[in-house]
């Protein structure tokens, strides 16, 4: 089983994912973590992204999930295959083949949790864009793509609520 924290960059997904893993492990759930792969991408990201970069991110995410899901009860993903698609759509518009792949792979997650923008997390790290307008635009595009693909998700409220949601899904 796997869940994903989704949303634009600089919202605290990684911090929340680490807190979530720690809490799940305290409650006896064998959970493992997949970090944000855009940080490892050898190609341009953010506003300068390329089609190749976003495809690298999307397919690397899928491969990492395949590799890890058989090794634990729950995989907590800091991003999903959808995330790279949103950045792809921003710069290059639609790609039906890619969209069909994303829509099919989204069925593999038991829960998607969208993390809203939290301005305290958008900080210079030398990798992700700190342009607030770019961040807001990506966030709006998430909402549009989630609606277009008719994807079910929950909006993050707090750690305890999220742990309870996950426990319900695991039962």
N, C-alpha and C. Protein backbone atom coordinates (compact mmCIF):
# COMPACT_ATOMS: atom_id res chain seq x y z
N UNK A 1 0.84 -1.17 0.00
CA UNK A 1 0.00 0.00 0.00
C UNK A 1 0.88 1.24 0.00
N UNK A 2 0.35 2.28 -0.61
CA UNK A 2 1.12 3.52 -0.61
C UNK A 2 0.19 4.73 -0.57
N UNK A 3 0.70 5.77 0.06
CA UNK A 3 0.02 7.05 0.09
C UNK A 3 1.01 8.08 -0.45
N UNK A 4 0.48 9.23 -0.85
CA UNK A 4 1.36 10.29 -1.33
C UNK A 4 0.90 11.63 -0.80
N UNK A 5 1.88 12.43 -0.43
CA UNK A 5 1.63 13.83 -0.10
C UNK A 5 1.84 14.58 -1.41
N UNK A 6 0.84 15.33 -1.82
CA UNK A 6 0.91 16.00 -3.11
C UNK A 6 0.78 17.50 -2.92
N UNK A 7 1.19 18.23 -3.92
CA UNK A 7 1.05 19.69 -3.90
C UNK A 7 2.30 20.35 -4.43
N UNK A 8 2.20 21.65 -4.57
CA UNK A 8 3.31 22.43 -5.09
C UNK A 8 4.52 22.34 -4.16
N UNK A 9 5.65 22.77 -4.67
CA UNK A 9 6.90 22.76 -3.89
C UNK A 9 6.83 23.80 -2.77
N UNK A 10 7.64 23.58 -1.74
CA UNK A 10 7.75 24.54 -0.65
C UNK A 10 6.54 24.64 0.25
N UNK A 11 5.87 23.51 0.49
CA UNK A 11 4.69 23.52 1.36
C UNK A 11 4.91 22.75 2.66
N UNK A 12 6.04 22.09 2.79
CA UNK A 12 6.32 21.31 3.99
C UNK A 12 6.03 19.83 3.85
N UNK A 13 5.88 19.36 2.62
CA UNK A 13 5.58 17.93 2.40
C UNK A 13 6.65 17.02 3.01
N UNK A 14 7.89 17.36 2.82
CA UNK A 14 8.97 16.51 3.33
C UNK A 14 8.96 16.48 4.86
N UNK A 15 8.78 17.61 5.48
CA UNK A 15 8.71 17.68 6.94
C UNK A 15 7.54 16.86 7.45
N UNK A 16 6.38 17.03 6.82
CA UNK A 16 5.18 16.29 7.23
C UNK A 16 5.40 14.79 7.01
N UNK A 17 6.02 14.42 5.90
CA UNK A 17 6.26 13.00 5.61
C UNK A 17 7.13 12.37 6.70
N UNK A 18 8.18 13.05 7.13
CA UNK A 18 9.05 12.50 8.18
C UNK A 18 8.28 12.36 9.51
N UNK A 19 7.49 13.37 9.83
CA UNK A 19 6.68 13.30 11.06
C UNK A 19 5.69 12.14 10.98
N UNK A 20 5.11 11.98 9.81
CA UNK A 20 4.12 10.92 9.58
C UNK A 20 4.75 9.54 9.71
N UNK A 21 5.90 9.35 9.10
CA UNK A 21 6.61 8.06 9.20
C UNK A 21 6.91 7.74 10.66
N UNK A 22 7.42 8.72 11.38
CA UNK A 22 7.77 8.49 12.79
C UNK A 22 6.53 8.08 13.59
N UNK A 23 5.42 8.77 13.38
CA UNK A 23 4.20 8.46 14.13
C UNK A 23 3.64 7.10 13.74
N UNK A 24 3.64 6.77 12.46
CA UNK A 24 3.15 5.47 12.03
C UNK A 24 4.00 4.33 12.62
N UNK A 25 5.31 4.52 12.64
CA UNK A 25 6.19 3.50 13.21
C UNK A 25 5.93 3.33 14.71
N UNK A 26 5.67 4.45 15.40
CA UNK A 26 5.34 4.37 16.83
C UNK A 26 4.09 3.53 17.05
N UNK A 27 3.19 3.54 16.08
CA UNK A 27 1.94 2.80 16.19
C UNK A 27 2.02 1.42 15.57
N UNK A 28 3.25 0.97 15.28
CA UNK A 28 3.46 -0.39 14.82
C UNK A 28 3.24 -0.63 13.34
N UNK A 29 3.19 0.42 12.55
CA UNK A 29 3.00 0.28 11.11
C UNK A 29 4.36 0.38 10.43
N UNK A 30 4.69 -0.64 9.66
CA UNK A 30 5.98 -0.69 8.96
C UNK A 30 5.90 0.22 7.74
N UNK A 31 6.27 1.49 7.93
CA UNK A 31 6.17 2.49 6.88
C UNK A 31 7.57 2.94 6.44
N UNK A 32 7.71 3.14 5.15
CA UNK A 32 8.97 3.63 4.59
C UNK A 32 8.70 4.87 3.75
N UNK A 33 9.75 5.60 3.40
CA UNK A 33 9.67 6.93 2.81
C UNK A 33 10.34 6.98 1.44
N UNK A 34 9.69 7.65 0.50
CA UNK A 34 10.32 8.00 -0.78
C UNK A 34 10.34 9.52 -0.83
N UNK A 35 11.53 10.08 -0.89
CA UNK A 35 11.68 11.53 -0.93
C UNK A 35 11.40 12.12 -2.29
N UNK A 36 11.42 13.43 -2.34
CA UNK A 36 11.16 14.16 -3.58
C UNK A 36 12.29 13.90 -4.58
N UNK A 37 11.94 13.35 -5.72
CA UNK A 37 12.95 12.97 -6.71
C UNK A 37 13.41 14.12 -7.58
N UNK A 38 12.66 15.22 -7.62
CA UNK A 38 13.09 16.37 -8.43
C UNK A 38 14.47 16.85 -7.98
N UNK A 39 14.77 16.68 -6.70
CA UNK A 39 16.07 17.11 -6.18
C UNK A 39 17.22 16.31 -6.78
N UNK A 40 16.93 15.10 -7.25
CA UNK A 40 17.96 14.24 -7.83
C UNK A 40 18.00 14.32 -9.35
N UNK A 41 17.06 15.03 -9.94
CA UNK A 41 16.96 15.09 -11.39
C UNK A 41 18.19 15.76 -11.99
N UNK A 42 18.84 15.11 -12.96
CA UNK A 42 20.04 15.69 -13.57
C UNK A 42 19.73 16.75 -14.62
N UNK A 43 18.46 17.05 -14.81
CA UNK A 43 18.03 17.99 -15.85
C UNK A 43 17.39 19.21 -15.19
N UNK A 44 17.19 20.29 -15.95
CA UNK A 44 16.61 21.51 -15.36
C UNK A 44 15.20 21.28 -14.82
N UNK A 45 14.91 21.89 -13.67
CA UNK A 45 13.56 21.81 -13.09
C UNK A 45 13.04 23.23 -12.86
N UNK A 46 11.94 23.34 -12.15
CA UNK A 46 11.29 24.62 -11.84
C UNK A 46 10.86 25.31 -13.13
N UNK A 47 11.03 26.60 -13.21
CA UNK A 47 10.58 27.36 -14.38
C UNK A 47 11.33 26.96 -15.65
N UNK A 48 12.53 26.44 -15.52
CA UNK A 48 13.35 26.07 -16.68
C UNK A 48 13.21 24.60 -17.06
N UNK A 49 12.25 23.91 -16.51
CA UNK A 49 12.12 22.48 -16.75
C UNK A 49 11.99 22.15 -18.23
N UNK A 50 12.30 20.90 -18.53
CA UNK A 50 12.16 20.39 -19.89
C UNK A 50 11.20 19.20 -19.86
N UNK A 51 10.74 18.80 -21.03
CA UNK A 51 9.90 17.61 -21.11
C UNK A 51 10.65 16.41 -20.56
N UNK A 52 11.91 16.29 -20.94
CA UNK A 52 12.72 15.16 -20.47
C UNK A 52 12.84 15.16 -18.94
N UNK A 53 13.01 16.34 -18.36
CA UNK A 53 13.14 16.43 -16.90
C UNK A 53 11.87 15.94 -16.20
N UNK A 54 10.73 16.40 -16.67
CA UNK A 54 9.48 16.01 -16.02
C UNK A 54 9.17 14.53 -16.24
N UNK A 55 9.49 14.02 -17.41
CA UNK A 55 9.31 12.59 -17.65
C UNK A 55 10.26 11.78 -16.76
N UNK A 56 11.49 12.26 -16.60
CA UNK A 56 12.46 11.59 -15.71
C UNK A 56 11.88 11.53 -14.30
N UNK A 57 11.32 12.65 -13.82
CA UNK A 57 10.77 12.71 -12.47
C UNK A 57 9.58 11.77 -12.32
N UNK A 58 8.66 11.81 -13.27
CA UNK A 58 7.45 10.98 -13.21
C UNK A 58 7.82 9.49 -13.21
N UNK A 59 8.64 9.08 -14.15
CA UNK A 59 8.96 7.66 -14.26
C UNK A 59 9.90 7.19 -13.16
N UNK A 60 10.78 8.05 -12.69
CA UNK A 60 11.63 7.70 -11.54
C UNK A 60 10.78 7.50 -10.29
N UNK A 61 9.76 8.34 -10.13
CA UNK A 61 8.84 8.19 -9.00
C UNK A 61 8.18 6.82 -9.06
N UNK A 62 7.67 6.49 -10.23
CA UNK A 62 6.99 5.20 -10.40
C UNK A 62 7.93 4.03 -10.10
N UNK A 63 9.15 4.09 -10.59
CA UNK A 63 10.12 3.02 -10.38
C UNK A 63 10.48 2.90 -8.89
N UNK A 64 10.71 4.03 -8.23
CA UNK A 64 11.03 4.00 -6.79
C UNK A 64 9.89 3.35 -5.99
N UNK A 65 8.66 3.69 -6.36
CA UNK A 65 7.51 3.12 -5.67
C UNK A 65 7.43 1.62 -5.89
N UNK A 66 7.65 1.18 -7.11
CA UNK A 66 7.64 -0.26 -7.40
C UNK A 66 8.70 -1.00 -6.58
N UNK A 67 9.88 -0.41 -6.49
CA UNK A 67 10.98 -1.06 -5.76
C UNK A 67 10.70 -1.16 -4.27
N UNK A 68 10.07 -0.17 -3.70
CA UNK A 68 9.91 -0.12 -2.24
C UNK A 68 8.64 -0.79 -1.74
N UNK A 69 7.58 -0.80 -2.54
CA UNK A 69 6.29 -1.25 -2.02
C UNK A 69 6.27 -2.71 -1.57
N UNK A 70 7.14 -3.55 -2.07
CA UNK A 70 7.15 -4.95 -1.64
C UNK A 70 7.99 -5.16 -0.37
N UNK A 71 8.65 -4.11 0.10
CA UNK A 71 9.55 -4.23 1.25
C UNK A 71 8.95 -3.74 2.57
N UNK A 72 7.72 -3.23 2.53
CA UNK A 72 7.13 -2.71 3.76
C UNK A 72 5.61 -2.74 3.63
N UNK A 73 4.94 -2.44 4.73
CA UNK A 73 3.47 -2.42 4.72
C UNK A 73 2.91 -1.19 4.03
N UNK A 74 3.60 -0.05 4.20
CA UNK A 74 3.10 1.21 3.68
C UNK A 74 4.26 2.06 3.18
N UNK A 75 4.11 2.58 1.98
CA UNK A 75 5.08 3.53 1.43
C UNK A 75 4.46 4.91 1.51
N UNK A 76 5.19 5.83 2.13
CA UNK A 76 4.77 7.22 2.20
C UNK A 76 5.62 7.99 1.20
N UNK A 77 4.96 8.54 0.19
CA UNK A 77 5.66 9.23 -0.89
C UNK A 77 5.57 10.74 -0.72
N UNK A 78 6.73 11.37 -0.75
CA UNK A 78 6.81 12.83 -0.77
C UNK A 78 6.67 13.22 -2.24
N UNK A 79 5.44 13.26 -2.70
CA UNK A 79 5.04 13.49 -4.09
C UNK A 79 4.45 12.20 -4.65
N UNK A 80 3.84 12.33 -5.82
CA UNK A 80 3.25 11.19 -6.53
C UNK A 80 3.58 11.32 -8.00
N UNK A 81 3.14 10.37 -8.79
CA UNK A 81 3.35 10.49 -10.23
C UNK A 81 2.59 11.69 -10.79
N UNK A 82 1.54 12.13 -10.10
CA UNK A 82 0.77 13.29 -10.54
C UNK A 82 1.59 14.57 -10.48
N UNK A 83 2.43 14.71 -9.48
CA UNK A 83 3.15 15.97 -9.26
C UNK A 83 3.97 16.40 -10.47
N UNK A 84 4.75 15.48 -11.01
CA UNK A 84 5.54 15.82 -12.19
C UNK A 84 4.67 16.22 -13.36
N UNK A 85 3.51 15.61 -13.44
CA UNK A 85 2.57 15.92 -14.52
C UNK A 85 2.06 17.36 -14.42
N UNK A 86 1.87 17.85 -13.21
CA UNK A 86 1.39 19.22 -13.04
C UNK A 86 2.43 20.21 -13.57
N UNK A 87 3.69 19.98 -13.22
CA UNK A 87 4.75 20.86 -13.71
C UNK A 87 4.89 20.73 -15.24
N UNK A 88 4.71 19.52 -15.74
CA UNK A 88 4.74 19.29 -17.19
C UNK A 88 3.64 20.11 -17.86
N UNK A 89 2.41 20.03 -17.32
CA UNK A 89 1.27 20.76 -17.88
C UNK A 89 1.50 22.26 -17.88
N UNK A 90 2.13 22.76 -16.83
CA UNK A 90 2.38 24.20 -16.74
C UNK A 90 3.17 24.70 -17.93
N UNK A 91 4.20 23.97 -18.30
CA UNK A 91 5.09 24.47 -19.35
C UNK A 91 4.72 23.96 -20.74
N UNK A 92 4.23 22.74 -20.84
CA UNK A 92 4.07 22.12 -22.16
C UNK A 92 2.64 21.76 -22.52
N UNK A 93 1.73 22.03 -21.65
CA UNK A 93 0.30 21.69 -21.84
C UNK A 93 0.11 20.19 -21.79
N UNK A 94 -0.92 19.71 -22.44
CA UNK A 94 -1.31 18.31 -22.30
C UNK A 94 -0.46 17.35 -23.12
N UNK A 95 -0.36 16.14 -22.60
CA UNK A 95 0.26 15.02 -23.30
C UNK A 95 -0.64 13.84 -22.95
N UNK A 96 -1.49 13.44 -23.89
CA UNK A 96 -2.52 12.45 -23.59
C UNK A 96 -1.93 11.11 -23.13
N UNK A 97 -0.85 10.68 -23.75
CA UNK A 97 -0.22 9.42 -23.36
C UNK A 97 0.26 9.49 -21.90
N UNK A 98 0.91 10.57 -21.56
CA UNK A 98 1.40 10.77 -20.20
C UNK A 98 0.22 10.88 -19.22
N UNK A 99 -0.81 11.60 -19.61
CA UNK A 99 -1.98 11.76 -18.76
C UNK A 99 -2.68 10.42 -18.50
N UNK A 100 -2.76 9.58 -19.53
CA UNK A 100 -3.36 8.25 -19.36
C UNK A 100 -2.54 7.40 -18.40
N UNK A 101 -1.22 7.47 -18.51
CA UNK A 101 -0.34 6.75 -17.59
C UNK A 101 -0.58 7.23 -16.15
N UNK A 102 -0.60 8.55 -15.96
CA UNK A 102 -0.79 9.13 -14.63
C UNK A 102 -2.12 8.69 -14.04
N UNK A 103 -3.17 8.81 -14.83
CA UNK A 103 -4.51 8.45 -14.35
C UNK A 103 -4.55 6.99 -13.90
N UNK A 104 -3.92 6.11 -14.65
CA UNK A 104 -3.89 4.68 -14.29
C UNK A 104 -3.08 4.45 -13.02
N UNK A 105 -1.92 5.08 -12.92
CA UNK A 105 -1.05 4.86 -11.75
C UNK A 105 -1.59 5.50 -10.48
N UNK A 106 -2.42 6.53 -10.60
CA UNK A 106 -3.02 7.14 -9.42
C UNK A 106 -3.93 6.16 -8.68
N UNK A 107 -4.43 5.16 -9.37
CA UNK A 107 -5.28 4.15 -8.75
C UNK A 107 -4.51 3.30 -7.74
N UNK A 108 -3.19 3.32 -7.80
CA UNK A 108 -2.36 2.50 -6.92
C UNK A 108 -2.20 3.08 -5.52
N UNK A 109 -2.55 4.36 -5.34
CA UNK A 109 -2.42 5.00 -4.03
C UNK A 109 -3.71 4.78 -3.24
N UNK A 110 -3.57 4.40 -1.97
CA UNK A 110 -4.77 4.26 -1.15
C UNK A 110 -5.25 5.61 -0.63
N UNK A 111 -4.36 6.60 -0.67
CA UNK A 111 -4.72 7.92 -0.17
C UNK A 111 -3.77 8.96 -0.75
N UNK A 112 -4.34 10.06 -1.24
CA UNK A 112 -3.57 11.23 -1.66
C UNK A 112 -3.93 12.36 -0.71
N UNK A 113 -2.92 13.02 -0.19
CA UNK A 113 -3.14 14.11 0.76
C UNK A 113 -2.49 15.37 0.19
N UNK A 114 -3.33 16.34 -0.14
CA UNK A 114 -2.81 17.59 -0.72
C UNK A 114 -2.41 18.54 0.41
N UNK A 115 -1.19 19.00 0.32
CA UNK A 115 -0.65 19.90 1.33
C UNK A 115 -0.83 21.33 0.82
N UNK A 116 -1.58 22.15 1.55
CA UNK A 116 -1.80 23.53 1.10
C UNK A 116 -0.53 24.37 1.27
N UNK A 117 -0.49 25.47 0.58
CA UNK A 117 0.65 26.38 0.68
C UNK A 117 0.78 26.90 2.10
N UNK A 118 2.00 26.85 2.60
CA UNK A 118 2.36 27.38 3.91
C UNK A 118 3.62 28.19 3.67
N UNK A 119 3.48 29.50 3.69
CA UNK A 119 4.58 30.38 3.27
C UNK A 119 5.88 30.20 4.04
N UNK A 120 5.82 29.67 5.25
CA UNK A 120 7.06 29.53 6.02
C UNK A 120 7.99 28.46 5.44
N UNK A 121 7.45 27.58 4.56
CA UNK A 121 8.28 26.52 4.02
C UNK A 121 8.95 26.87 2.69
N UNK A 122 8.54 27.94 2.04
CA UNK A 122 9.15 28.32 0.76
C UNK A 122 10.43 29.10 1.04
N UNK A 123 11.53 28.36 1.11
CA UNK A 123 12.82 28.95 1.45
C UNK A 123 13.87 28.57 0.43
N UNK A 124 14.85 29.43 0.27
CA UNK A 124 15.95 29.17 -0.65
C UNK A 124 16.71 27.93 -0.20
N UNK A 125 16.81 26.95 -1.09
CA UNK A 125 17.59 25.75 -0.78
C UNK A 125 18.56 25.41 -1.92
N UNK A 126 18.61 26.28 -2.90
CA UNK A 126 19.52 26.06 -4.02
C UNK A 126 18.97 25.12 -5.08
N UNK A 127 17.77 24.59 -4.86
CA UNK A 127 17.19 23.63 -5.81
C UNK A 127 15.82 24.09 -6.28
N UNK A 128 14.89 24.25 -5.36
CA UNK A 128 13.52 24.58 -5.73
C UNK A 128 13.33 26.10 -5.86
N UNK A 129 12.43 26.48 -6.75
CA UNK A 129 12.13 27.89 -7.00
C UNK A 129 11.53 28.53 -5.75
N UNK A 130 11.88 29.78 -5.50
CA UNK A 130 11.29 30.53 -4.39
C UNK A 130 10.32 31.61 -4.91
N UNK A 131 10.00 31.56 -6.18
CA UNK A 131 9.06 32.50 -6.76
C UNK A 131 7.64 32.16 -6.28
N UNK A 132 7.06 33.05 -5.48
CA UNK A 132 5.74 32.79 -4.90
C UNK A 132 4.64 32.69 -5.96
N UNK A 133 4.75 33.46 -7.01
CA UNK A 133 3.74 33.39 -8.08
C UNK A 133 3.81 32.05 -8.81
N UNK A 134 5.02 31.56 -9.03
CA UNK A 134 5.20 30.24 -9.66
C UNK A 134 4.59 29.17 -8.75
N UNK A 135 4.86 29.26 -7.45
CA UNK A 135 4.32 28.30 -6.48
C UNK A 135 2.79 28.33 -6.50
N UNK A 136 2.20 29.52 -6.47
CA UNK A 136 0.74 29.65 -6.48
C UNK A 136 0.14 29.11 -7.78
N UNK A 137 0.81 29.36 -8.89
CA UNK A 137 0.32 28.88 -10.18
C UNK A 137 0.33 27.35 -10.22
N UNK A 138 1.40 26.74 -9.71
CA UNK A 138 1.46 25.28 -9.67
C UNK A 138 0.36 24.74 -8.78
N UNK A 139 0.12 25.38 -7.64
CA UNK A 139 -0.94 24.94 -6.73
C UNK A 139 -2.31 24.99 -7.42
N UNK A 140 -2.59 26.05 -8.14
CA UNK A 140 -3.86 26.15 -8.88
C UNK A 140 -3.96 25.07 -9.95
N UNK A 141 -2.85 24.78 -10.60
CA UNK A 141 -2.85 23.75 -11.63
C UNK A 141 -3.07 22.36 -11.03
N UNK A 142 -2.59 22.15 -9.82
CA UNK A 142 -2.90 20.90 -9.11
C UNK A 142 -4.41 20.75 -8.98
N UNK A 143 -5.06 21.79 -8.50
CA UNK A 143 -6.51 21.73 -8.31
C UNK A 143 -7.22 21.44 -9.63
N UNK A 144 -6.79 22.09 -10.70
CA UNK A 144 -7.41 21.87 -12.01
C UNK A 144 -7.21 20.45 -12.51
N UNK A 145 -6.01 19.93 -12.37
CA UNK A 145 -5.73 18.58 -12.86
C UNK A 145 -6.42 17.52 -12.00
N UNK A 146 -6.45 17.72 -10.70
CA UNK A 146 -7.18 16.80 -9.82
C UNK A 146 -8.65 16.73 -10.21
N UNK A 147 -9.22 17.88 -10.51
CA UNK A 147 -10.62 17.93 -10.92
C UNK A 147 -10.80 17.28 -12.30
N UNK A 148 -9.93 17.62 -13.23
CA UNK A 148 -10.04 17.07 -14.59
C UNK A 148 -9.96 15.55 -14.59
N UNK A 149 -9.03 15.00 -13.80
CA UNK A 149 -8.83 13.55 -13.75
C UNK A 149 -9.79 12.88 -12.77
N UNK A 150 -10.59 13.67 -12.08
CA UNK A 150 -11.55 13.17 -11.10
C UNK A 150 -10.84 12.31 -10.04
N UNK A 151 -9.81 12.91 -9.45
CA UNK A 151 -8.98 12.23 -8.47
C UNK A 151 -9.47 12.56 -7.06
N UNK A 152 -9.67 11.54 -6.27
CA UNK A 152 -10.08 11.71 -4.88
C UNK A 152 -8.84 12.00 -4.04
N UNK A 153 -8.96 12.99 -3.16
CA UNK A 153 -7.85 13.34 -2.27
C UNK A 153 -8.41 13.99 -1.03
N UNK A 154 -7.58 14.07 -0.01
CA UNK A 154 -7.92 14.78 1.22
C UNK A 154 -6.95 15.95 1.35
N UNK A 155 -7.42 17.03 1.95
CA UNK A 155 -6.55 18.17 2.22
C UNK A 155 -5.96 17.99 3.62
N UNK A 156 -4.66 18.21 3.73
CA UNK A 156 -3.98 18.04 5.01
C UNK A 156 -4.50 19.04 6.04
N UNK A 157 -4.84 18.52 7.21
CA UNK A 157 -5.27 19.36 8.33
C UNK A 157 -4.23 19.35 9.44
N UNK A 158 -3.88 18.14 9.89
CA UNK A 158 -2.87 18.00 10.93
C UNK A 158 -2.38 16.56 10.94
N UNK A 159 -1.34 16.31 11.71
CA UNK A 159 -0.72 14.99 11.74
C UNK A 159 -1.67 13.92 12.28
N UNK A 160 -2.35 14.19 13.38
CA UNK A 160 -3.22 13.19 13.99
C UNK A 160 -4.36 12.78 13.06
N UNK A 161 -4.99 13.74 12.41
CA UNK A 161 -6.07 13.44 11.47
C UNK A 161 -5.55 12.58 10.32
N UNK A 162 -4.38 12.89 9.84
CA UNK A 162 -3.79 12.15 8.73
C UNK A 162 -3.46 10.72 9.15
N UNK A 163 -2.92 10.53 10.34
CA UNK A 163 -2.63 9.18 10.84
C UNK A 163 -3.92 8.37 10.94
N UNK A 164 -4.97 8.98 11.43
CA UNK A 164 -6.25 8.28 11.54
C UNK A 164 -6.80 7.91 10.16
N UNK A 165 -6.69 8.82 9.20
CA UNK A 165 -7.12 8.52 7.83
C UNK A 165 -6.37 7.31 7.26
N UNK A 166 -5.07 7.28 7.49
CA UNK A 166 -4.24 6.18 6.99
C UNK A 166 -4.63 4.88 7.67
N UNK A 167 -4.82 4.91 8.98
CA UNK A 167 -5.20 3.70 9.69
C UNK A 167 -6.53 3.15 9.20
N UNK A 168 -7.49 4.03 8.89
CA UNK A 168 -8.76 3.61 8.32
C UNK A 168 -8.56 2.92 6.98
N UNK A 169 -7.69 3.47 6.16
CA UNK A 169 -7.45 2.91 4.82
C UNK A 169 -6.75 1.56 4.89
N UNK A 170 -5.89 1.40 5.89
CA UNK A 170 -5.13 0.14 6.02
C UNK A 170 -6.02 -1.00 6.47
N UNK A 171 -7.04 -0.72 7.26
CA UNK A 171 -7.92 -1.78 7.80
C UNK A 171 -8.53 -2.63 6.72
